[in-house]
Amino acid sequence: MWQAIANLFRRDGVLRPLEQAAVRLTGYSILGRMITWNEGVPYVDSLMLRSVGAKSGDLRDAVLFYVPDGDSWVIIGSVGGRPKHPSWVHNLRANPHAWVFVDRGRYPVEAEFLEGGERDRLWAAGAEVWPPYVQYAERAQPRTIEVIRLNRSG
């Protein structure tokens, strides 16, 4: 039933704005709840990333699962294991200064692309809360899925 409602809203072009408004105002992702419910895992916290478009310079919003890491948030550029990185990864590479809407707050952040042991540690933390990341990594081969820490900035 939820999938039918989501498909109706998606077709009418209102799903994304409704989801973004819900995350900004309540800190809760309706789609995230539906997705985790379908996978049989507990709700995964979500944030809305607002980045600057790499080519357009326009503000771009994306609702994403995250893992807290101290005062920072870690996001994973899996895009379901597709062969290309999601557009927000390209946006953050071009301009690492962005904003997050999380827990009803808005914070300026700077993206840090993780490598080595730190990447491995936070990849494991992400896969613990969202187990499908493991299958996404296999599906994405030979692409390496990006793990990005969003650090609060001035």
N, C-alpha and C. Protein backbone atom coordinates (compact mmCIF):
# COMPACT_ATOMS: atom_id res chain seq x y z
N MET A 1 0.81 -1.18 0.00
CA MET A 1 0.00 0.00 0.00
C MET A 1 0.87 1.27 0.00
N TRP A 2 1.91 1.31 0.87
CA TRP A 2 2.78 2.48 0.92
C TRP A 2 3.44 2.74 -0.43
N GLN A 3 3.83 1.66 -1.10
CA GLN A 3 4.49 1.81 -2.39
C GLN A 3 3.55 2.43 -3.41
N ALA A 4 2.29 2.05 -3.38
CA ALA A 4 1.31 2.61 -4.31
C ALA A 4 1.12 4.11 -4.06
N ILE A 5 1.08 4.50 -2.79
CA ILE A 5 0.93 5.91 -2.45
C ILE A 5 2.17 6.70 -2.89
N ALA A 6 3.35 6.13 -2.61
CA ALA A 6 4.60 6.79 -3.01
C ALA A 6 4.67 6.95 -4.53
N ASN A 7 4.27 5.91 -5.26
CA ASN A 7 4.29 5.98 -6.72
C ASN A 7 3.33 7.04 -7.25
N LEU A 8 2.18 7.18 -6.61
CA LEU A 8 1.22 8.21 -7.00
C LEU A 8 1.82 9.60 -6.78
N PHE A 9 2.40 9.82 -5.61
CA PHE A 9 3.03 11.12 -5.32
C PHE A 9 4.22 11.38 -6.24
N ARG A 10 4.99 10.34 -6.53
CA ARG A 10 6.16 10.50 -7.42
C ARG A 10 5.68 10.90 -8.82
N ARG A 11 4.65 10.22 -9.30
CA ARG A 11 4.13 10.51 -10.64
C ARG A 11 3.62 11.95 -10.73
N ASP A 12 3.01 12.45 -9.66
CA ASP A 12 2.47 13.80 -9.66
C ASP A 12 3.52 14.86 -9.33
N GLY A 13 4.76 14.42 -9.07
CA GLY A 13 5.85 15.35 -8.83
C GLY A 13 5.85 16.01 -7.46
N VAL A 14 5.13 15.44 -6.51
CA VAL A 14 5.08 16.04 -5.18
C VAL A 14 5.84 15.26 -4.12
N LEU A 15 6.32 14.07 -4.46
CA LEU A 15 6.98 13.23 -3.46
C LEU A 15 8.25 13.89 -2.93
N ARG A 16 9.12 14.34 -3.81
CA ARG A 16 10.39 14.93 -3.37
C ARG A 16 10.17 16.18 -2.52
N PRO A 17 9.34 17.14 -2.95
CA PRO A 17 9.12 18.32 -2.09
C PRO A 17 8.49 17.96 -0.74
N LEU A 18 7.57 17.01 -0.71
CA LEU A 18 6.97 16.60 0.55
C LEU A 18 8.00 15.98 1.48
N GLU A 19 8.83 15.12 0.92
CA GLU A 19 9.87 14.46 1.71
C GLU A 19 10.87 15.48 2.25
N GLN A 20 11.30 16.40 1.43
CA GLN A 20 12.26 17.43 1.87
C GLN A 20 11.65 18.30 2.97
N ALA A 21 10.40 18.67 2.83
CA ALA A 21 9.74 19.48 3.85
C ALA A 21 9.61 18.70 5.15
N ALA A 22 9.27 17.42 5.06
CA ALA A 22 9.14 16.60 6.27
C ALA A 22 10.46 16.50 7.02
N VAL A 23 11.55 16.29 6.31
CA VAL A 23 12.86 16.18 6.96
C VAL A 23 13.26 17.52 7.57
N ARG A 24 13.05 18.60 6.85
CA ARG A 24 13.42 19.93 7.37
C ARG A 24 12.62 20.28 8.61
N LEU A 25 11.32 20.01 8.59
CA LEU A 25 10.44 20.45 9.68
C LEU A 25 10.39 19.49 10.86
N THR A 26 10.51 18.20 10.61
CA THR A 26 10.33 17.22 11.68
C THR A 26 11.59 16.43 11.99
N GLY A 27 12.55 16.42 11.05
CA GLY A 27 13.73 15.58 11.23
C GLY A 27 13.46 14.13 10.93
N TYR A 28 12.31 13.81 10.35
CA TYR A 28 11.90 12.43 10.11
C TYR A 28 11.65 12.23 8.62
N SER A 29 12.19 11.14 8.07
CA SER A 29 12.00 10.84 6.66
C SER A 29 10.89 9.81 6.48
N ILE A 30 9.83 10.22 5.84
CA ILE A 30 8.72 9.31 5.57
C ILE A 30 9.18 8.21 4.61
N LEU A 31 9.88 8.59 3.55
CA LEU A 31 10.38 7.59 2.60
C LEU A 31 11.39 6.65 3.26
N GLY A 32 12.25 7.22 4.11
CA GLY A 32 13.21 6.39 4.83
C GLY A 32 12.51 5.34 5.67
N ARG A 33 11.42 5.72 6.30
CA ARG A 33 10.65 4.77 7.11
C ARG A 33 10.09 3.66 6.22
N MET A 34 9.55 4.05 5.06
CA MET A 34 8.98 3.06 4.15
C MET A 34 10.05 2.13 3.62
N ILE A 35 11.20 2.67 3.25
CA ILE A 35 12.29 1.87 2.70
C ILE A 35 12.81 0.88 3.74
N THR A 36 13.04 1.36 4.96
CA THR A 36 13.56 0.46 5.99
C THR A 36 12.52 -0.59 6.37
N TRP A 37 11.28 -0.20 6.38
CA TRP A 37 10.20 -1.14 6.69
C TRP A 37 10.18 -2.26 5.66
N ASN A 38 10.29 -1.90 4.38
CA ASN A 38 10.31 -2.91 3.31
C ASN A 38 11.50 -3.85 3.43
N GLU A 39 12.64 -3.35 3.93
CA GLU A 39 13.84 -4.17 4.09
C GLU A 39 13.85 -4.93 5.41
N GLY A 40 12.92 -4.61 6.30
CA GLY A 40 12.84 -5.30 7.58
C GLY A 40 13.92 -4.89 8.57
N VAL A 41 14.41 -3.66 8.45
CA VAL A 41 15.42 -3.16 9.39
C VAL A 41 14.83 -1.97 10.14
N PRO A 42 15.40 -1.65 11.31
CA PRO A 42 14.92 -0.47 12.05
C PRO A 42 15.12 0.81 11.24
N TYR A 43 14.36 1.82 11.61
CA TYR A 43 14.46 3.12 10.95
C TYR A 43 15.90 3.62 10.99
N VAL A 44 16.38 4.13 9.86
CA VAL A 44 17.72 4.71 9.77
C VAL A 44 17.55 6.22 9.74
N ASP A 45 18.30 6.92 10.59
CA ASP A 45 18.20 8.38 10.64
C ASP A 45 18.51 8.98 9.27
N SER A 46 17.81 10.07 8.96
CA SER A 46 17.97 10.75 7.67
C SER A 46 18.24 12.22 7.88
N LEU A 47 18.94 12.79 6.93
CA LEU A 47 19.18 14.23 6.90
C LEU A 47 18.92 14.71 5.49
N MET A 48 18.81 16.02 5.34
CA MET A 48 18.73 16.59 4.00
C MET A 48 20.01 17.37 3.76
N LEU A 49 20.71 16.99 2.72
CA LEU A 49 21.93 17.67 2.30
C LEU A 49 21.55 18.72 1.27
N ARG A 50 22.03 19.94 1.47
CA ARG A 50 21.85 21.01 0.48
C ARG A 50 23.25 21.37 -0.02
N SER A 51 23.49 21.05 -1.27
CA SER A 51 24.80 21.33 -1.87
C SER A 51 24.61 22.26 -3.06
N VAL A 52 25.73 22.76 -3.56
CA VAL A 52 25.72 23.65 -4.73
C VAL A 52 26.02 22.80 -5.95
N GLY A 53 25.17 22.89 -6.97
CA GLY A 53 25.35 22.12 -8.19
C GLY A 53 26.70 22.39 -8.83
N ALA A 54 27.42 21.33 -9.17
CA ALA A 54 28.77 21.46 -9.74
C ALA A 54 28.76 22.23 -11.05
N LYS A 55 27.76 22.02 -11.87
CA LYS A 55 27.70 22.70 -13.17
C LYS A 55 26.79 23.92 -13.13
N SER A 56 25.63 23.76 -12.49
CA SER A 56 24.63 24.83 -12.54
C SER A 56 24.87 25.94 -11.51
N GLY A 57 25.49 25.59 -10.39
CA GLY A 57 25.62 26.56 -9.31
C GLY A 57 24.35 26.72 -8.50
N ASP A 58 23.29 25.99 -8.86
CA ASP A 58 22.03 26.04 -8.15
C ASP A 58 22.10 25.18 -6.89
N LEU A 59 21.26 25.50 -5.91
CA LEU A 59 21.18 24.69 -4.70
C LEU A 59 20.44 23.40 -5.02
N ARG A 60 21.00 22.29 -4.54
CA ARG A 60 20.42 20.96 -4.78
C ARG A 60 20.22 20.26 -3.45
N ASP A 61 19.05 19.66 -3.26
CA ASP A 61 18.72 18.97 -2.02
C ASP A 61 18.63 17.47 -2.24
N ALA A 62 19.10 16.72 -1.26
CA ALA A 62 19.01 15.25 -1.30
C ALA A 62 18.78 14.74 0.11
N VAL A 63 17.77 13.90 0.29
CA VAL A 63 17.51 13.27 1.58
C VAL A 63 18.29 11.97 1.60
N LEU A 64 19.10 11.79 2.66
CA LEU A 64 20.04 10.67 2.73
C LEU A 64 20.05 10.06 4.12
N PHE A 65 20.31 8.75 4.18
CA PHE A 65 20.60 8.11 5.45
C PHE A 65 21.94 8.64 5.95
N TYR A 66 22.12 8.65 7.26
CA TYR A 66 23.41 9.06 7.81
C TYR A 66 23.73 8.26 9.05
N VAL A 67 25.01 8.30 9.40
CA VAL A 67 25.51 7.71 10.63
C VAL A 67 26.16 8.85 11.40
N PRO A 68 25.79 9.05 12.67
CA PRO A 68 26.47 10.10 13.45
C PRO A 68 27.90 9.68 13.76
N ASP A 69 28.79 10.67 13.79
CA ASP A 69 30.19 10.45 14.15
C ASP A 69 30.65 11.65 14.97
N GLY A 70 30.44 11.59 16.27
CA GLY A 70 30.72 12.74 17.11
C GLY A 70 29.78 13.87 16.74
N ASP A 71 30.34 15.04 16.45
CA ASP A 71 29.54 16.20 16.04
C ASP A 71 29.35 16.27 14.53
N SER A 72 29.73 15.20 13.84
CA SER A 72 29.64 15.16 12.38
C SER A 72 28.62 14.12 11.94
N TRP A 73 28.32 14.13 10.64
CA TRP A 73 27.41 13.18 10.05
C TRP A 73 28.12 12.50 8.88
N VAL A 74 27.95 11.20 8.77
CA VAL A 74 28.59 10.44 7.70
C VAL A 74 27.51 9.97 6.73
N ILE A 75 27.73 10.26 5.45
CA ILE A 75 26.82 9.84 4.39
C ILE A 75 27.58 8.95 3.42
N ILE A 76 26.84 8.08 2.76
CA ILE A 76 27.45 7.09 1.87
C ILE A 76 26.84 7.23 0.49
N GLY A 77 27.69 7.40 -0.52
CA GLY A 77 27.24 7.65 -1.90
C GLY A 77 26.95 6.38 -2.66
N SER A 78 26.04 5.58 -2.16
CA SER A 78 25.79 4.27 -2.76
C SER A 78 24.90 4.34 -4.00
N VAL A 79 23.90 5.18 -3.97
CA VAL A 79 22.88 5.28 -5.02
C VAL A 79 22.45 3.89 -5.50
N GLY A 80 22.23 3.01 -4.51
CA GLY A 80 21.73 1.66 -4.81
C GLY A 80 22.71 0.77 -5.54
N GLY A 81 23.99 1.14 -5.57
CA GLY A 81 24.98 0.33 -6.26
C GLY A 81 25.07 0.59 -7.75
N ARG A 82 24.53 1.70 -8.20
CA ARG A 82 24.62 2.04 -9.64
C ARG A 82 26.07 2.29 -10.02
N PRO A 83 26.39 2.22 -11.31
CA PRO A 83 27.79 2.35 -11.74
C PRO A 83 28.38 3.75 -11.59
N LYS A 84 27.55 4.77 -11.45
CA LYS A 84 28.07 6.14 -11.32
C LYS A 84 27.73 6.70 -9.94
N HIS A 85 28.58 7.62 -9.48
CA HIS A 85 28.32 8.29 -8.21
C HIS A 85 27.05 9.14 -8.32
N PRO A 86 26.34 9.32 -7.21
CA PRO A 86 25.18 10.22 -7.24
C PRO A 86 25.64 11.66 -7.51
N SER A 87 24.75 12.46 -8.04
CA SER A 87 25.13 13.83 -8.40
C SER A 87 25.60 14.63 -7.20
N TRP A 88 25.06 14.37 -6.02
CA TRP A 88 25.49 15.15 -4.85
C TRP A 88 26.96 14.88 -4.50
N VAL A 89 27.50 13.71 -4.86
CA VAL A 89 28.93 13.45 -4.65
C VAL A 89 29.75 14.39 -5.53
N HIS A 90 29.36 14.51 -6.79
CA HIS A 90 30.06 15.42 -7.70
C HIS A 90 29.95 16.87 -7.22
N ASN A 91 28.77 17.22 -6.71
CA ASN A 91 28.58 18.57 -6.19
C ASN A 91 29.53 18.85 -5.02
N LEU A 92 29.67 17.88 -4.10
CA LEU A 92 30.54 18.08 -2.94
C LEU A 92 32.02 18.09 -3.33
N ARG A 93 32.37 17.34 -4.37
CA ARG A 93 33.77 17.39 -4.84
C ARG A 93 34.09 18.78 -5.40
N ALA A 94 33.14 19.34 -6.15
CA ALA A 94 33.35 20.66 -6.75
C ALA A 94 33.30 21.77 -5.71
N ASN A 95 32.43 21.62 -4.73
CA ASN A 95 32.29 22.62 -3.67
C ASN A 95 31.95 21.90 -2.37
N PRO A 96 32.94 21.66 -1.50
CA PRO A 96 32.69 20.90 -0.28
C PRO A 96 31.87 21.63 0.78
N HIS A 97 31.61 22.92 0.58
CA HIS A 97 30.80 23.68 1.53
C HIS A 97 29.33 23.45 1.22
N ALA A 98 28.59 23.00 2.25
CA ALA A 98 27.18 22.66 2.06
C ALA A 98 26.44 22.92 3.37
N TRP A 99 25.19 22.46 3.44
CA TRP A 99 24.37 22.58 4.63
C TRP A 99 23.66 21.26 4.85
N VAL A 100 23.38 20.96 6.11
CA VAL A 100 22.52 19.82 6.42
C VAL A 100 21.34 20.31 7.25
N PHE A 101 20.21 19.71 6.99
CA PHE A 101 19.03 19.87 7.82
C PHE A 101 18.87 18.54 8.53
N VAL A 102 19.03 18.58 9.86
CA VAL A 102 18.97 17.34 10.64
C VAL A 102 18.43 17.66 12.02
N ASP A 103 17.56 16.79 12.53
CA ASP A 103 16.97 16.99 13.86
C ASP A 103 16.42 18.40 14.04
N ARG A 104 15.73 18.87 13.03
CA ARG A 104 15.07 20.18 13.01
C ARG A 104 16.04 21.36 13.06
N GLY A 105 17.30 21.12 12.79
CA GLY A 105 18.28 22.20 12.75
C GLY A 105 18.92 22.29 11.38
N ARG A 106 19.54 23.45 11.11
CA ARG A 106 20.26 23.66 9.85
C ARG A 106 21.68 24.04 10.21
N TYR A 107 22.65 23.32 9.61
CA TYR A 107 24.05 23.52 9.97
C TYR A 107 24.91 23.64 8.72
N PRO A 108 25.81 24.61 8.69
CA PRO A 108 26.79 24.65 7.60
C PRO A 108 27.82 23.55 7.84
N VAL A 109 28.22 22.88 6.77
CA VAL A 109 29.17 21.78 6.88
C VAL A 109 30.21 21.87 5.78
N GLU A 110 31.29 21.13 5.99
CA GLU A 110 32.30 20.96 4.95
C GLU A 110 32.49 19.46 4.76
N ALA A 111 32.45 19.02 3.51
CA ALA A 111 32.56 17.60 3.19
C ALA A 111 34.01 17.15 3.22
N GLU A 112 34.22 15.99 3.83
CA GLU A 112 35.54 15.37 3.89
C GLU A 112 35.41 13.96 3.31
N PHE A 113 36.06 13.72 2.18
CA PHE A 113 36.01 12.41 1.54
C PHE A 113 37.00 11.50 2.27
N LEU A 114 36.50 10.39 2.80
CA LEU A 114 37.30 9.53 3.67
C LEU A 114 38.02 8.44 2.89
N GLU A 115 39.18 8.07 3.41
CA GLU A 115 40.00 7.01 2.80
C GLU A 115 40.59 6.15 3.91
N GLY A 116 41.13 5.01 3.53
CA GLY A 116 41.89 4.16 4.44
C GLY A 116 41.07 3.63 5.61
N GLY A 117 41.72 3.57 6.76
CA GLY A 117 41.10 3.00 7.94
C GLY A 117 39.88 3.76 8.42
N GLU A 118 39.90 5.08 8.29
CA GLU A 118 38.75 5.88 8.71
C GLU A 118 37.55 5.59 7.81
N ARG A 119 37.78 5.45 6.52
CA ARG A 119 36.71 5.09 5.60
C ARG A 119 36.16 3.71 5.96
N ASP A 120 37.07 2.75 6.19
CA ASP A 120 36.65 1.39 6.51
C ASP A 120 35.81 1.34 7.79
N ARG A 121 36.23 2.09 8.80
CA ARG A 121 35.51 2.12 10.08
C ARG A 121 34.09 2.66 9.89
N LEU A 122 33.97 3.75 9.15
CA LEU A 122 32.66 4.37 8.99
C LEU A 122 31.80 3.66 7.95
N TRP A 123 32.45 3.00 6.98
CA TRP A 123 31.69 2.14 6.06
C TRP A 123 31.03 1.02 6.86
N ALA A 124 31.78 0.41 7.77
CA ALA A 124 31.24 -0.68 8.60
C ALA A 124 30.09 -0.17 9.47
N ALA A 125 30.22 1.04 10.02
CA ALA A 125 29.15 1.61 10.83
C ALA A 125 27.90 1.83 9.99
N GLY A 126 28.09 2.30 8.75
CA GLY A 126 26.96 2.50 7.85
C GLY A 126 26.29 1.19 7.48
N ALA A 127 27.10 0.17 7.18
CA ALA A 127 26.56 -1.14 6.80
C ALA A 127 25.87 -1.82 7.98
N GLU A 128 26.25 -1.45 9.19
CA GLU A 128 25.58 -2.01 10.37
C GLU A 128 24.16 -1.49 10.48
N VAL A 129 23.96 -0.20 10.21
CA VAL A 129 22.61 0.36 10.31
C VAL A 129 21.80 0.14 9.03
N TRP A 130 22.47 0.01 7.89
CA TRP A 130 21.77 -0.24 6.61
C TRP A 130 22.49 -1.36 5.88
N PRO A 131 22.18 -2.63 6.22
CA PRO A 131 22.88 -3.78 5.63
C PRO A 131 22.90 -3.84 4.11
N PRO A 132 21.91 -3.32 3.37
CA PRO A 132 21.99 -3.37 1.91
C PRO A 132 23.22 -2.67 1.31
N TYR A 133 23.92 -1.82 2.08
CA TYR A 133 25.14 -1.21 1.56
C TYR A 133 26.13 -2.26 1.08
N VAL A 134 26.16 -3.41 1.73
CA VAL A 134 27.10 -4.47 1.34
C VAL A 134 26.79 -4.95 -0.08
N GLN A 135 25.51 -5.19 -0.38
CA GLN A 135 25.13 -5.59 -1.73
C GLN A 135 25.34 -4.46 -2.73
N TYR A 136 25.12 -3.23 -2.30
CA TYR A 136 25.33 -2.08 -3.19
C TYR A 136 26.79 -2.00 -3.61
N ALA A 137 27.71 -2.26 -2.67
CA ALA A 137 29.14 -2.20 -2.98
C ALA A 137 29.51 -3.26 -4.01
N GLU A 138 28.94 -4.46 -3.89
CA GLU A 138 29.20 -5.52 -4.86
C GLU A 138 28.67 -5.14 -6.23
N ARG A 139 27.45 -4.59 -6.24
CA ARG A 139 26.79 -4.20 -7.49
C ARG A 139 27.53 -3.05 -8.18
N ALA A 140 28.13 -2.16 -7.41
CA ALA A 140 28.77 -0.96 -7.95
C ALA A 140 30.13 -1.24 -8.58
N GLN A 141 30.71 -2.41 -8.35
CA GLN A 141 32.05 -2.72 -8.86
C GLN A 141 32.16 -2.36 -10.34
N PRO A 142 33.23 -1.77 -10.77
CA PRO A 142 34.49 -1.49 -10.07
C PRO A 142 34.49 -0.15 -9.33
N ARG A 143 33.36 0.56 -9.33
CA ARG A 143 33.29 1.84 -8.61
C ARG A 143 33.41 1.60 -7.11
N THR A 144 34.19 2.42 -6.45
CA THR A 144 34.26 2.40 -5.00
C THR A 144 33.28 3.43 -4.48
N ILE A 145 32.38 3.00 -3.63
CA ILE A 145 31.37 3.89 -3.07
C ILE A 145 32.04 4.87 -2.10
N GLU A 146 31.71 6.14 -2.25
CA GLU A 146 32.30 7.19 -1.41
C GLU A 146 31.67 7.19 -0.02
N VAL A 147 32.52 7.40 0.98
CA VAL A 147 32.09 7.62 2.36
C VAL A 147 32.54 9.03 2.71
N ILE A 148 31.60 9.87 3.10
CA ILE A 148 31.86 11.30 3.27
C ILE A 148 31.41 11.74 4.66
N ARG A 149 32.32 12.41 5.35
CA ARG A 149 31.97 12.97 6.66
C ARG A 149 31.63 14.44 6.44
N LEU A 150 30.52 14.86 7.00
CA LEU A 150 30.09 16.25 6.95
C LEU A 150 30.41 16.88 8.29
N ASN A 151 31.46 17.71 8.31
CA ASN A 151 31.94 18.35 9.53
C ASN A 151 31.31 19.74 9.64
N ARG A 152 30.84 20.06 10.82
CA ARG A 152 30.28 21.40 11.04
C ARG A 152 31.34 22.46 10.74
N SER A 153 30.91 23.51 10.10
CA SER A 153 31.82 24.61 9.80
C SER A 153 31.25 25.91 10.34
N GLY A 154 32.09 26.97 10.36
CA GLY A 154 31.73 28.27 10.90
C GLY A 154 30.49 28.81 10.34
